[in-house]
Amino acid sequence: MGTPDRRTFRPSRRTLLAVGAGAFVVAAMPRARRDARRRVLRTVPTMGTLAELTVLSDDPRRAHAALDAAVAELLRLEALLTRYDDASDVGRANLGAGLTPVAVSRDTALVVEEALRWAEASDGVFDPCLRRAIDLWDVNHRRTPPDEALVRRLAGRHLHRAVDVDRTRDGGTLRFRDPDVGLDLGGIAVGYAIDRAAAVLRAAGVRDALVNVGGDIVALGHAETGDPWRIGVRDPLDPSALLGTVEVSDAAVATSGDTEQCFVADGHRYHHILDPEVAAPRASAVRSVTVVAPTGLAADAASTACFGRDAAFCERLFSTKAPGGRVVRAV
């Protein structure tokens, strides 16, 4: 196989460090078994992390055209689904949907609707409406927990039940019936985006590829050997080490854990995965959960919901929302 063909954007050092500590790496394959196609690679910052796309192709020009289209789709969805831009669909909804229905794109309405379904299926363990609690904890900047009275006010509210989605053929509207609703699609938007990027690659004739956004991965087809792609799962306690590998083909892998977005106070780790019942970081005996599911959206949402939950809960959730999905590693 020839040298990989790269076109790389230059992210900030902070972004590079975040990706370097990500959950997955693509495990190396024996060189002697590879076919004649080249790995055509693209790296671009998006959704607060790096997207790394890999296409197997014997025609680099066509591969780059497919990658251009997939990257454009990722950037388009980031502009719609981010909560950090008041002009995005989510930003506009958070500003105005408590007063009047806010028109949003078809993609946004679909993702919110699906997120609410995951919330119901998980009995509220997965809740996309916790922005106010997430902002209160602000684990990337805090060094001490927030005031307990402020936390208690947001606990056990089942805020996902106060969102109305009216999805139409071309778009939709969002309306919030509780002033404390704030959308944060961080537990599902990346999964949807990698599904869409993979769909764009398929439409361009790509059969074998990986779409990796910050460690959420969709694997299309097979690696050079004809075998499933081998994805190495990083050790949450030692990012330089692997816990093992997962083999996937036409499926997705995602990990949720408490090691990257967190702070430590008085010997206790406070991380970014919140328990809606207490509006505080979810208690967990493990540091990370890795799941395989049929789609990126399902893998993303399920890994978030299953973190800190027992096997029976995860099995019920998969049977309801992602048949064929499973937890492959909890550490």
C-alpha atoms as a PDB file:
ATOM      1  CA  MET A   1       0.000   0.000   0.000  1.00  0.00           C
ATOM      2  CA  GLY A   2       1.259   3.483  -0.801  1.00  0.00           C
ATOM      3  CA  THR A   3       1.759   6.361   1.607  1.00  0.00           C
ATOM      4  CA  PRO A   4      -1.582   7.708   2.912  1.00  0.00           C
ATOM      5  CA  ASP A   5      -2.844  10.751   1.024  1.00  0.00           C
ATOM      6  CA  ARG A   6      -3.587  13.513   3.583  1.00  0.00           C
ATOM      7  CA  ARG A   7      -5.215  16.930   3.449  1.00  0.00           C
ATOM      8  CA  THR A   8      -5.165  18.223   6.990  1.00  0.00           C
ATOM      9  CA  PHE A   9      -6.629  21.317   8.624  1.00  0.00           C
ATOM     10  CA  ARG A  10      -4.659  22.694  11.581  1.00  0.00           C
ATOM     11  CA  PRO A  11      -6.672  22.596  14.828  1.00  0.00           C
ATOM     12  CA  SER A  12      -5.624  24.243  18.048  1.00  0.00           C
ATOM     13  CA  ARG A  13      -3.285  22.494  20.486  1.00  0.00           C
ATOM     14  CA  ARG A  14      -6.227  22.067  22.878  1.00  0.00           C
ATOM     15  CA  THR A  15      -8.195  20.219  20.199  1.00  0.00           C
ATOM     16  CA  LEU A  16      -5.225  17.996  19.378  1.00  0.00           C
ATOM     17  CA  LEU A  17      -4.750  17.105  23.030  1.00  0.00           C
ATOM     18  CA  ALA A  18      -8.427  16.254  23.385  1.00  0.00           C
ATOM     19  CA  VAL A  19      -8.303  13.917  20.401  1.00  0.00           C
ATOM     20  CA  GLY A  20      -5.038  12.362  21.526  1.00  0.00           C
ATOM     21  CA  ALA A  21      -6.840  11.190  24.664  1.00  0.00           C
ATOM     22  CA  GLY A  22      -9.807   9.830  22.702  1.00  0.00           C
ATOM     23  CA  ALA A  23     -11.362   6.445  23.221  1.00  0.00           C
ATOM     24  CA  PHE A  24     -10.384   4.700  19.991  1.00  0.00           C
ATOM     25  CA  VAL A  25      -7.571   4.151  17.538  1.00  0.00           C
ATOM     26  CA  VAL A  26      -7.663   2.196  14.290  1.00  0.00           C
ATOM     27  CA  ALA A  27      -5.631  -0.927  14.955  1.00  0.00           C
ATOM     28  CA  ALA A  28      -2.828  -1.587  12.500  1.00  0.00           C
ATOM     29  CA  MET A  29      -3.296  -4.357   9.941  1.00  0.00           C
ATOM     30  CA  PRO A  30      -0.476  -6.616   8.688  1.00  0.00           C
ATOM     31  CA  ARG A  31       1.076  -4.958   5.633  1.00  0.00           C
ATOM     32  CA  ALA A  32       1.414  -8.201   3.679  1.00  0.00           C
ATOM     33  CA  ARG A  33      -2.323  -8.783   3.688  1.00  0.00           C
ATOM     34  CA  ARG A  34      -3.413  -5.370   2.449  1.00  0.00           C
ATOM     35  CA  ASP A  35      -4.923  -4.887  -1.000  1.00  0.00           C
ATOM     36  CA  ALA A  36      -3.753  -2.406  -3.619  1.00  0.00           C
ATOM     37  CA  ARG A  37      -6.042   0.440  -2.548  1.00  0.00           C
ATOM     38  CA  ARG A  38      -4.704   3.434  -0.679  1.00  0.00           C
ATOM     39  CA  ARG A  39      -6.028   4.907   2.532  1.00  0.00           C
ATOM     40  CA  VAL A  40      -7.118   8.403   1.609  1.00  0.00           C
ATOM     41  CA  LEU A  41      -7.380  10.439   4.801  1.00  0.00           C
ATOM     42  CA  ARG A  42      -8.963  13.720   5.818  1.00  0.00           C
ATOM     43  CA  THR A  43      -8.800  15.517   9.163  1.00  0.00           C
ATOM     44  CA  VAL A  44     -10.890  18.557  10.074  1.00  0.00           C
ATOM     45  CA  PRO A  45     -11.902  20.244  13.340  1.00  0.00           C
ATOM     46  CA  THR A  46     -15.641  20.094  13.972  1.00  0.00           C
ATOM     47  CA  MET A  47     -18.095  19.657  16.839  1.00  0.00           C
ATOM     48  CA  GLY A  48     -15.476  20.679  19.384  1.00  0.00           C
ATOM     49  CA  THR A  49     -13.080  17.903  18.392  1.00  0.00           C
ATOM     50  CA  LEU A  50     -11.448  16.399  15.315  1.00  0.00           C
ATOM     51  CA  ALA A  51     -13.129  14.458  12.559  1.00  0.00           C
ATOM     52  CA  GLU A  52     -10.870  11.860  10.988  1.00  0.00           C
ATOM     53  CA  LEU A  53     -12.207  10.223   7.815  1.00  0.00           C
ATOM     54  CA  THR A  54     -10.573   7.278   6.045  1.00  0.00           C
ATOM     55  CA  VAL A  55     -11.567   5.969   2.624  1.00  0.00           C
ATOM     56  CA  LEU A  56     -10.074   2.942   0.854  1.00  0.00           C
ATOM     57  CA  SER A  57      -9.757   3.766  -2.833  1.00  0.00           C
ATOM     58  CA  ASP A  58      -7.689   3.179  -5.950  1.00  0.00           C
ATOM     59  CA  ASP A  59      -8.835   6.571  -7.277  1.00  0.00           C
ATOM     60  CA  PRO A  60      -7.634   9.375  -4.960  1.00  0.00           C
ATOM     61  CA  ARG A  61      -9.423  12.063  -6.984  1.00  0.00           C
ATOM     62  CA  ARG A  62     -12.826  10.408  -6.522  1.00  0.00           C
ATOM     63  CA  ALA A  63     -11.984   9.665  -2.898  1.00  0.00           C
ATOM     64  CA  HIS A  64     -11.208  13.297  -2.185  1.00  0.00           C
ATOM     65  CA  ALA A  65     -14.432  14.415  -3.855  1.00  0.00           C
ATOM     66  CA  ALA A  66     -16.356  12.013  -1.602  1.00  0.00           C
ATOM     67  CA  LEU A  67     -14.460  13.266   1.441  1.00  0.00           C
ATOM     68  CA  ASP A  68     -15.191  16.892   0.486  1.00  0.00           C
ATOM     69  CA  ALA A  69     -18.908  16.086   0.489  1.00  0.00           C
ATOM     70  CA  ALA A  70     -18.742  14.171   3.800  1.00  0.00           C
ATOM     71  CA  VAL A  71     -16.832  16.978   5.520  1.00  0.00           C
ATOM     72  CA  ALA A  72     -19.319  19.539   4.184  1.00  0.00           C
ATOM     73  CA  GLU A  73     -22.125  17.467   5.717  1.00  0.00           C
ATOM     74  CA  LEU A  74     -20.386  17.372   9.107  1.00  0.00           C
ATOM     75  CA  LEU A  75     -19.861  21.134   9.073  1.00  0.00           C
ATOM     76  CA  ARG A  76     -23.459  21.758   7.979  1.00  0.00           C
ATOM     77  CA  LEU A  77     -24.803  19.694  10.868  1.00  0.00           C
ATOM     78  CA  GLU A  78     -22.451  21.310  13.358  1.00  0.00           C
ATOM     79  CA  ALA A  79     -23.867  24.713  12.357  1.00  0.00           C
ATOM     80  CA  LEU A  80     -27.415  23.455  13.030  1.00  0.00           C
ATOM     81  CA  LEU A  81     -26.953  21.391  16.189  1.00  0.00           C
ATOM     82  CA  THR A  82     -24.355  23.211  18.291  1.00  0.00           C
ATOM     83  CA  ARG A  83     -25.581  24.850  21.488  1.00  0.00           C
ATOM     84  CA  TYR A  84     -22.619  27.244  21.510  1.00  0.00           C
ATOM     85  CA  ASP A  85     -23.960  29.470  18.715  1.00  0.00           C
ATOM     86  CA  ASP A  86     -27.133  31.481  19.275  1.00  0.00           C
ATOM     87  CA  ALA A  87     -27.714  31.466  15.496  1.00  0.00           C
ATOM     88  CA  SER A  88     -27.862  27.658  15.266  1.00  0.00           C
ATOM     89  CA  ASP A  89     -31.179  25.838  15.374  1.00  0.00           C
ATOM     90  CA  VAL A  90     -30.457  24.691  18.929  1.00  0.00           C
ATOM     91  CA  GLY A  91     -29.264  28.146  19.955  1.00  0.00           C
ATOM     92  CA  ARG A  92     -32.379  29.833  18.586  1.00  0.00           C
ATOM     93  CA  ALA A  93     -34.613  27.266  20.264  1.00  0.00           C
ATOM     94  CA  ASN A  94     -32.896  27.786  23.604  1.00  0.00           C
ATOM     95  CA  LEU A  95     -33.443  31.521  23.277  1.00  0.00           C
ATOM     96  CA  GLY A  96     -37.039  31.521  22.098  1.00  0.00           C
ATOM     97  CA  ALA A  97     -38.848  28.175  22.214  1.00  0.00           C
ATOM     98  CA  GLY A  98     -40.081  28.843  25.748  1.00  0.00           C
ATOM     99  CA  LEU A  99     -42.114  31.745  24.381  1.00  0.00           C
ATOM    100  CA  THR A 100     -43.243  30.659  20.926  1.00  0.00           C
ATOM    101  CA  PRO A 101     -42.581  27.758  18.535  1.00  0.00           C
ATOM    102  CA  VAL A 102     -39.215  28.124  16.800  1.00  0.00           C
ATOM    103  CA  ALA A 103     -38.794  26.919  13.221  1.00  0.00           C
ATOM    104  CA  VAL A 104     -35.883  24.515  12.733  1.00  0.00           C
ATOM    105  CA  SER A 105     -34.452  22.385   9.962  1.00  0.00           C
ATOM    106  CA  ARG A 106     -35.617  18.876   9.193  1.00  0.00           C
ATOM    107  CA  ASP A 107     -32.349  17.460  10.589  1.00  0.00           C
ATOM    108  CA  THR A 108     -32.720  19.276  13.896  1.00  0.00           C
ATOM    109  CA  ALA A 109     -36.347  18.267  14.325  1.00  0.00           C
ATOM    110  CA  LEU A 110     -35.445  14.655  13.555  1.00  0.00           C
ATOM    111  CA  VAL A 111     -32.506  14.578  16.029  1.00  0.00           C
ATOM    112  CA  VAL A 112     -34.543  16.188  18.820  1.00  0.00           C
ATOM    113  CA  GLU A 113     -37.438  13.824  18.203  1.00  0.00           C
ATOM    114  CA  GLU A 114     -35.111  10.822  18.326  1.00  0.00           C
ATOM    115  CA  ALA A 115     -33.391  12.168  21.446  1.00  0.00           C
ATOM    116  CA  LEU A 116     -36.764  12.423  23.188  1.00  0.00           C
ATOM    117  CA  ARG A 117     -37.502   8.817  22.223  1.00  0.00           C
ATOM    118  CA  TRP A 118     -34.225   7.725  23.798  1.00  0.00           C
ATOM    119  CA  ALA A 119     -35.157   9.725  26.889  1.00  0.00           C
ATOM    120  CA  GLU A 120     -38.465   7.893  27.216  1.00  0.00           C
ATOM    121  CA  ALA A 121     -36.931   4.488  26.487  1.00  0.00           C
ATOM    122  CA  SER A 122     -34.291   5.068  29.184  1.00  0.00           C
ATOM    123  CA  ASP A 123     -36.824   6.359  31.765  1.00  0.00           C
ATOM    124  CA  GLY A 124     -35.157   9.748  31.607  1.00  0.00           C
ATOM    125  CA  VAL A 125     -31.606   8.504  32.236  1.00  0.00           C
ATOM    126  CA  PHE A 126     -30.730  10.012  28.857  1.00  0.00           C
ATOM    127  CA  ASP A 127     -32.116  13.550  28.789  1.00  0.00           C
ATOM    128  CA  PRO A 128     -31.200  16.047  26.027  1.00  0.00           C
ATOM    129  CA  CYS A 129     -32.757  18.963  27.926  1.00  0.00           C
ATOM    130  CA  LEU A 130     -30.226  19.474  30.733  1.00  0.00           C
ATOM    131  CA  ARG A 131     -28.370  22.483  29.402  1.00  0.00           C
ATOM    132  CA  ARG A 132     -29.006  24.549  32.548  1.00  0.00           C
ATOM    133  CA  ALA A 133     -27.605  21.829  34.794  1.00  0.00           C
ATOM    134  CA  ILE A 134     -24.666  21.277  32.436  1.00  0.00           C
ATOM    135  CA  ASP A 135     -23.899  25.005  32.473  1.00  0.00           C
ATOM    136  CA  LEU A 136     -24.217  25.020  36.261  1.00  0.00           C
ATOM    137  CA  TRP A 137     -21.607  22.281  36.655  1.00  0.00           C
ATOM    138  CA  ASP A 138     -19.358  23.605  33.836  1.00  0.00           C
ATOM    139  CA  VAL A 139     -16.824  20.838  34.515  1.00  0.00           C
ATOM    140  CA  ASN A 140     -14.242  22.203  32.065  1.00  0.00           C
ATOM    141  CA  HIS A 141     -13.827  25.394  34.108  1.00  0.00           C
ATOM    142  CA  ARG A 142     -15.032  24.705  37.664  1.00  0.00           C
ATOM    143  CA  ARG A 143     -12.796  23.600  40.496  1.00  0.00           C
ATOM    144  CA  THR A 144     -15.524  23.248  43.134  1.00  0.00           C
ATOM    145  CA  PRO A 145     -19.133  21.969  42.943  1.00  0.00           C
ATOM    146  CA  PRO A 146     -21.942  24.516  42.466  1.00  0.00           C
ATOM    147  CA  ASP A 147     -24.328  25.557  45.215  1.00  0.00           C
ATOM    148  CA  GLU A 148     -26.442  22.568  46.327  1.00  0.00           C
ATOM    149  CA  ALA A 149     -29.682  24.569  46.340  1.00  0.00           C
ATOM    150  CA  LEU A 150     -29.210  25.478  42.674  1.00  0.00           C
ATOM    151  CA  VAL A 151     -28.550  21.847  41.818  1.00  0.00           C
ATOM    152  CA  ARG A 152     -31.591  20.552  43.742  1.00  0.00           C
ATOM    153  CA  ARG A 153     -33.888  22.944  41.871  1.00  0.00           C
ATOM    154  CA  LEU A 154     -33.048  21.173  38.604  1.00  0.00           C
ATOM    155  CA  ALA A 155     -33.129  17.603  39.923  1.00  0.00           C
ATOM    156  CA  GLY A 156     -35.768  15.052  38.931  1.00  0.00           C
ATOM    157  CA  ARG A 157     -37.621  17.398  36.613  1.00  0.00           C
ATOM    158  CA  HIS A 158     -38.035  15.082  33.567  1.00  0.00           C
ATOM    159  CA  LEU A 159     -37.511  18.118  31.377  1.00  0.00           C
ATOM    160  CA  HIS A 160     -37.581  16.072  28.184  1.00  0.00           C
ATOM    161  CA  ARG A 161     -41.338  15.740  28.665  1.00  0.00           C
ATOM    162  CA  ALA A 162     -41.737  19.514  28.344  1.00  0.00           C
ATOM    163  CA  VAL A 163     -40.579  19.663  24.720  1.00  0.00           C
ATOM    164  CA  ASP A 164     -42.949  19.585  21.755  1.00  0.00           C
ATOM    165  CA  VAL A 165     -41.599  18.682  18.312  1.00  0.00           C
ATOM    166  CA  ASP A 166     -43.753  19.258  15.264  1.00  0.00           C
ATOM    167  CA  ARG A 167     -41.868  17.660  12.386  1.00  0.00           C
ATOM    168  CA  THR A 168     -42.956  18.424   8.836  1.00  0.00           C
ATOM    169  CA  ARG A 169     -41.746  17.211   5.474  1.00  0.00           C
ATOM    170  CA  ASP A 170     -39.299  20.086   5.063  1.00  0.00           C
ATOM    171  CA  GLY A 171     -38.536  21.109   8.641  1.00  0.00           C
ATOM    172  CA  GLY A 172     -40.290  21.472  11.940  1.00  0.00           C
ATOM    173  CA  THR A 173     -40.807  23.543  15.064  1.00  0.00           C
ATOM    174  CA  LEU A 174     -39.712  23.214  18.679  1.00  0.00           C
ATOM    175  CA  ARG A 175     -41.593  24.517  21.699  1.00  0.00           C
ATOM    176  CA  PHE A 176     -40.628  24.303  25.382  1.00  0.00           C
ATOM    177  CA  ARG A 177     -43.301  24.159  28.086  1.00  0.00           C
ATOM    178  CA  ASP A 178     -40.926  24.658  31.005  1.00  0.00           C
ATOM    179  CA  PRO A 179     -38.625  27.687  31.352  1.00  0.00           C
ATOM    180  CA  ASP A 180     -35.810  25.455  32.626  1.00  0.00           C
ATOM    181  CA  VAL A 181     -35.620  23.406  29.426  1.00  0.00           C
ATOM    182  CA  GLY A 182     -32.369  23.918  27.566  1.00  0.00           C
ATOM    183  CA  LEU A 183     -31.342  21.686  24.699  1.00  0.00           C
ATOM    184  CA  ASP A 184     -27.904  20.080  24.717  1.00  0.00           C
ATOM    185  CA  LEU A 185     -27.622  17.410  22.028  1.00  0.00           C
ATOM    186  CA  GLY A 186     -24.041  16.492  22.945  1.00  0.00           C
ATOM    187  CA  GLY A 187     -25.060  12.913  23.697  1.00  0.00           C
ATOM    188  CA  ILE A 188     -26.567  12.242  20.269  1.00  0.00           C
ATOM    189  CA  ALA A 189     -25.637  14.917  17.685  1.00  0.00           C
ATOM    190  CA  VAL A 190     -22.195  13.496  16.868  1.00  0.00           C
ATOM    191  CA  GLY A 191     -23.730  10.061  16.343  1.00  0.00           C
ATOM    192  CA  TYR A 192     -26.243  11.494  13.895  1.00  0.00           C
ATOM    193  CA  ALA A 193     -23.542  13.478  12.123  1.00  0.00           C
ATOM    194  CA  ILE A 194     -21.283  10.472  11.551  1.00  0.00           C
ATOM    195  CA  ASP A 195     -24.268   8.516  10.215  1.00  0.00           C
ATOM    196  CA  ARG A 196     -24.977  11.290   7.741  1.00  0.00           C
ATOM    197  CA  ALA A 197     -21.316  11.608   6.706  1.00  0.00           C
ATOM    198  CA  ALA A 198     -21.191   7.847   6.156  1.00  0.00           C
ATOM    199  CA  ALA A 199     -24.361   8.052   4.059  1.00  0.00           C
ATOM    200  CA  VAL A 200     -22.758  10.742   1.902  1.00  0.00           C
ATOM    201  CA  LEU A 201     -19.724   8.518   1.341  1.00  0.00           C
ATOM    202  CA  ARG A 202     -21.955   5.600   0.376  1.00  0.00           C
ATOM    203  CA  ALA A 203     -23.860   7.801  -2.085  1.00  0.00           C
ATOM    204  CA  ALA A 204     -20.521   8.717  -3.685  1.00  0.00           C
ATOM    205  CA  GLY A 205     -19.764   5.044  -4.279  1.00  0.00           C
ATOM    206  CA  VAL A 206     -17.452   4.463  -1.300  1.00  0.00           C
ATOM    207  CA  ARG A 207     -17.773   0.916   0.039  1.00  0.00           C
ATOM    208  CA  ASP A 208     -15.053   0.787   2.717  1.00  0.00           C
ATOM    209  CA  ALA A 209     -14.414   3.684   5.073  1.00  0.00           C
ATOM    210  CA  LEU A 210     -14.247   4.961   8.633  1.00  0.00           C
ATOM    211  CA  VAL A 211     -15.823   8.146   9.948  1.00  0.00           C
ATOM    212  CA  ASN A 212     -14.406   9.058  13.361  1.00  0.00           C
ATOM    213  CA  VAL A 213     -15.512  12.211  15.188  1.00  0.00           C
ATOM    214  CA  GLY A 214     -13.872  12.500  18.581  1.00  0.00           C
ATOM    215  CA  GLY A 215     -13.956   8.726  19.090  1.00  0.00           C
ATOM    216  CA  ASP A 216     -17.497   8.062  17.848  1.00  0.00           C
ATOM    217  CA  ILE A 217     -16.943   5.824  14.815  1.00  0.00           C
ATOM    218  CA  VAL A 218     -19.006   4.480  11.940  1.00  0.00           C
ATOM    219  CA  ALA A 219     -17.287   1.683  10.011  1.00  0.00           C
ATOM    220  CA  LEU A 220     -18.345   1.028   6.421  1.00  0.00           C
ATOM    221  CA  GLY A 221     -17.512  -2.275   4.809  1.00  0.00           C
ATOM    222  CA  HIS A 222     -14.140  -3.810   5.544  1.00  0.00           C
ATOM    223  CA  ALA A 223     -10.470  -3.047   5.982  1.00  0.00           C
ATOM    224  CA  GLU A 224      -7.813  -3.830   3.356  1.00  0.00           C
ATOM    225  CA  THR A 225      -7.685  -7.466   4.407  1.00  0.00           C
ATOM    226  CA  GLY A 226     -11.376  -8.048   3.720  1.00  0.00           C
ATOM    227  CA  ASP A 227     -11.894  -8.493   7.449  1.00  0.00           C
ATOM    228  CA  PRO A 228     -13.943  -6.168   9.674  1.00  0.00           C
ATOM    229  CA  TRP A 229     -12.245  -2.989  10.798  1.00  0.00           C
ATOM    230  CA  ARG A 230     -10.342  -3.459  14.057  1.00  0.00           C
ATOM    231  CA  ILE A 231     -10.825  -0.546  16.462  1.00  0.00           C
ATOM    232  CA  GLY A 232      -8.515  -0.332  19.452  1.00  0.00           C
ATOM    233  CA  VAL A 233     -10.174   0.797  22.698  1.00  0.00           C
ATOM    234  CA  ARG A 234      -7.932   3.043  24.793  1.00  0.00           C
ATOM    235  CA  ASP A 235      -7.470   2.510  28.500  1.00  0.00           C
ATOM    236  CA  PRO A 236      -9.240   5.424  30.294  1.00  0.00           C
ATOM    237  CA  LEU A 237      -6.521   5.375  32.954  1.00  0.00           C
ATOM    238  CA  ASP A 238      -3.630   5.282  30.464  1.00  0.00           C
ATOM    239  CA  PRO A 239      -4.340   6.809  27.039  1.00  0.00           C
ATOM    240  CA  SER A 240      -1.106   5.319  25.686  1.00  0.00           C
ATOM    241  CA  ALA A 241      -2.392   1.768  26.309  1.00  0.00           C
ATOM    242  CA  LEU A 242      -5.132  -0.324  24.718  1.00  0.00           C
ATOM    243  CA  LEU A 243      -7.648  -2.399  26.646  1.00  0.00           C
ATOM    244  CA  GLY A 244      -8.382  -4.479  23.569  1.00  0.00           C
ATOM    245  CA  THR A 245      -9.943  -4.251  20.129  1.00  0.00           C
ATOM    246  CA  VAL A 246     -13.446  -4.307  18.688  1.00  0.00           C
ATOM    247  CA  GLU A 247     -14.164  -5.644  15.195  1.00  0.00           C
ATOM    248  CA  VAL A 248     -16.932  -3.822  13.312  1.00  0.00           C
ATOM    249  CA  SER A 249     -18.325  -3.751   9.795  1.00  0.00           C
ATOM    250  CA  ASP A 250     -21.280  -1.570   8.770  1.00  0.00           C
ATOM    251  CA  ALA A 251     -21.809  -0.662  12.423  1.00  0.00           C
ATOM    252  CA  ALA A 252     -20.829   2.001  14.940  1.00  0.00           C
ATOM    253  CA  VAL A 253     -18.785   2.184  18.132  1.00  0.00           C
ATOM    254  CA  ALA A 254     -18.911   4.818  20.882  1.00  0.00           C
ATOM    255  CA  THR A 255     -17.481   5.240  24.363  1.00  0.00           C
ATOM    256  CA  SER A 256     -18.640   7.429  27.248  1.00  0.00           C
ATOM    257  CA  GLY A 257     -16.404   8.041  30.223  1.00  0.00           C
ATOM    258  CA  ASP A 258     -15.400  10.382  33.012  1.00  0.00           C
ATOM    259  CA  THR A 259     -11.736  11.035  32.256  1.00  0.00           C
ATOM    260  CA  GLU A 260     -11.613  13.909  29.768  1.00  0.00           C
ATOM    261  CA  GLN A 261     -14.241  16.420  30.918  1.00  0.00           C
ATOM    262  CA  CYS A 262     -14.013  16.578  34.696  1.00  0.00           C
ATOM    263  CA  PHE A 263     -12.531  18.254  37.739  1.00  0.00           C
ATOM    264  CA  VAL A 264     -11.448  16.850  41.091  1.00  0.00           C
ATOM    265  CA  ALA A 265     -12.403  18.491  44.408  1.00  0.00           C
ATOM    266  CA  ASP A 266     -11.697  17.054  47.872  1.00  0.00           C
ATOM    267  CA  GLY A 267     -10.681  13.771  46.284  1.00  0.00           C
ATOM    268  CA  HIS A 268     -13.948  13.354  44.343  1.00  0.00           C
ATOM    269  CA  ARG A 269     -14.139  13.350  40.531  1.00  0.00           C
ATOM    270  CA  TYR A 270     -16.966  15.430  39.041  1.00  0.00           C
ATOM    271  CA  HIS A 271     -17.512  14.608  35.352  1.00  0.00           C
ATOM    272  CA  HIS A 272     -19.760  15.794  32.529  1.00  0.00           C
ATOM    273  CA  ILE A 273     -22.280  12.919  32.333  1.00  0.00           C
ATOM    274  CA  LEU A 274     -25.143  14.081  34.515  1.00  0.00           C
ATOM    275  CA  ASP A 275     -27.837  12.046  36.249  1.00  0.00           C
ATOM    276  CA  PRO A 276     -31.129  13.884  35.625  1.00  0.00           C
ATOM    277  CA  GLU A 277     -32.580  12.576  38.897  1.00  0.00           C
ATOM    278  CA  VAL A 278     -30.010  14.487  40.949  1.00  0.00           C
ATOM    279  CA  ALA A 279     -28.850  17.032  38.338  1.00  0.00           C
ATOM    280  CA  ALA A 280     -25.273  16.075  39.207  1.00  0.00           C
ATOM    281  CA  PRO A 281     -22.535  13.841  37.781  1.00  0.00           C
ATOM    282  CA  ARG A 282     -23.755  10.266  37.570  1.00  0.00           C
ATOM    283  CA  ALA A 283     -22.312   7.871  40.133  1.00  0.00           C
ATOM    284  CA  SER A 284     -20.471   5.004  38.462  1.00  0.00           C
ATOM    285  CA  ALA A 285     -18.273   2.113  39.508  1.00  0.00           C
ATOM    286  CA  VAL A 286     -16.593   2.195  36.082  1.00  0.00           C
ATOM    287  CA  ARG A 287     -14.679   4.903  34.259  1.00  0.00           C
ATOM    288  CA  SER A 288     -15.857   4.181  30.710  1.00  0.00           C
ATOM    289  CA  VAL A 289     -18.429   2.195  28.743  1.00  0.00           C
ATOM    290  CA  THR A 290     -17.940   1.132  25.118  1.00  0.00           C
ATOM    291  CA  VAL A 291     -20.875   0.028  22.983  1.00  0.00           C
ATOM    292  CA  VAL A 292     -21.406  -1.302  19.465  1.00  0.00           C
ATOM    293  CA  ALA A 293     -24.702  -0.475  17.763  1.00  0.00           C
ATOM    294  CA  PRO A 294     -26.215  -0.498  14.266  1.00  0.00           C
ATOM    295  CA  THR A 295     -25.916   3.291  13.878  1.00  0.00           C
ATOM    296  CA  GLY A 296     -23.771   6.114  15.192  1.00  0.00           C
ATOM    297  CA  LEU A 297     -26.816   7.794  16.706  1.00  0.00           C
ATOM    298  CA  ALA A 298     -27.709   4.660  18.664  1.00  0.00           C
ATOM    299  CA  ALA A 299     -24.121   4.062  19.786  1.00  0.00           C
ATOM    300  CA  ASP A 300     -23.738   7.679  20.930  1.00  0.00           C
ATOM    301  CA  ALA A 301     -27.001   7.791  22.897  1.00  0.00           C
ATOM    302  CA  ALA A 302     -26.622   4.283  24.329  1.00  0.00           C
ATOM    303  CA  SER A 303     -23.080   4.825  25.594  1.00  0.00           C
ATOM    304  CA  THR A 304     -24.263   7.951  27.415  1.00  0.00           C
ATOM    305  CA  ALA A 305     -27.313   6.226  28.892  1.00  0.00           C
ATOM    306  CA  CYS A 306     -25.460   3.048  29.889  1.00  0.00           C
ATOM    307  CA  PHE A 307     -22.625   4.791  31.722  1.00  0.00           C
ATOM    308  CA  GLY A 308     -23.089   3.966  35.400  1.00  0.00           C
ATOM    309  CA  ARG A 309     -26.047   1.648  34.796  1.00  0.00           C
ATOM    310  CA  ASP A 310     -26.276  -2.115  35.312  1.00  0.00           C
ATOM    311  CA  ALA A 311     -26.315  -4.793  32.600  1.00  0.00           C
ATOM    312  CA  ALA A 312     -30.072  -5.382  32.841  1.00  0.00           C
ATOM    313  CA  PHE A 313     -30.808  -1.717  32.156  1.00  0.00           C
ATOM    314  CA  CYS A 314     -28.503  -1.708  29.128  1.00  0.00           C
ATOM    315  CA  GLU A 315     -30.004  -4.903  27.715  1.00  0.00           C
ATOM    316  CA  ARG A 316     -33.528  -3.476  27.997  1.00  0.00           C
ATOM    317  CA  LEU A 317     -32.462  -0.246  26.355  1.00  0.00           C
ATOM    318  CA  PHE A 318     -30.801  -2.002  23.433  1.00  0.00           C
ATOM    319  CA  SER A 319     -33.745  -4.334  22.923  1.00  0.00           C
ATOM    320  CA  THR A 320     -36.051  -1.309  22.723  1.00  0.00           C
ATOM    321  CA  LYS A 321     -33.982   1.170  20.750  1.00  0.00           C
ATOM    322  CA  ALA A 322     -31.095  -0.637  19.029  1.00  0.00           C
ATOM    323  CA  PRO A 323     -31.632  -4.364  18.501  1.00  0.00           C
ATOM    324  CA  GLY A 324     -28.286  -6.001  17.911  1.00  0.00           C
ATOM    325  CA  GLY A 325     -26.410  -3.404  19.947  1.00  0.00           C
ATOM    326  CA  ARG A 326     -24.416  -4.347  23.010  1.00  0.00           C
ATOM    327  CA  VAL A 327     -21.989  -3.148  25.633  1.00  0.00           C
ATOM    328  CA  VAL A 328     -18.606  -4.559  24.664  1.00  0.00           C
ATOM    329  CA  ARG A 329     -16.496  -3.163  27.502  1.00  0.00           C
ATOM    330  CA  ALA A 330     -17.068  -1.435  30.837  1.00  0.00           C
ATOM    331  CA  VAL A 331     -13.945  -0.471  32.783  1.00  0.00           C
END
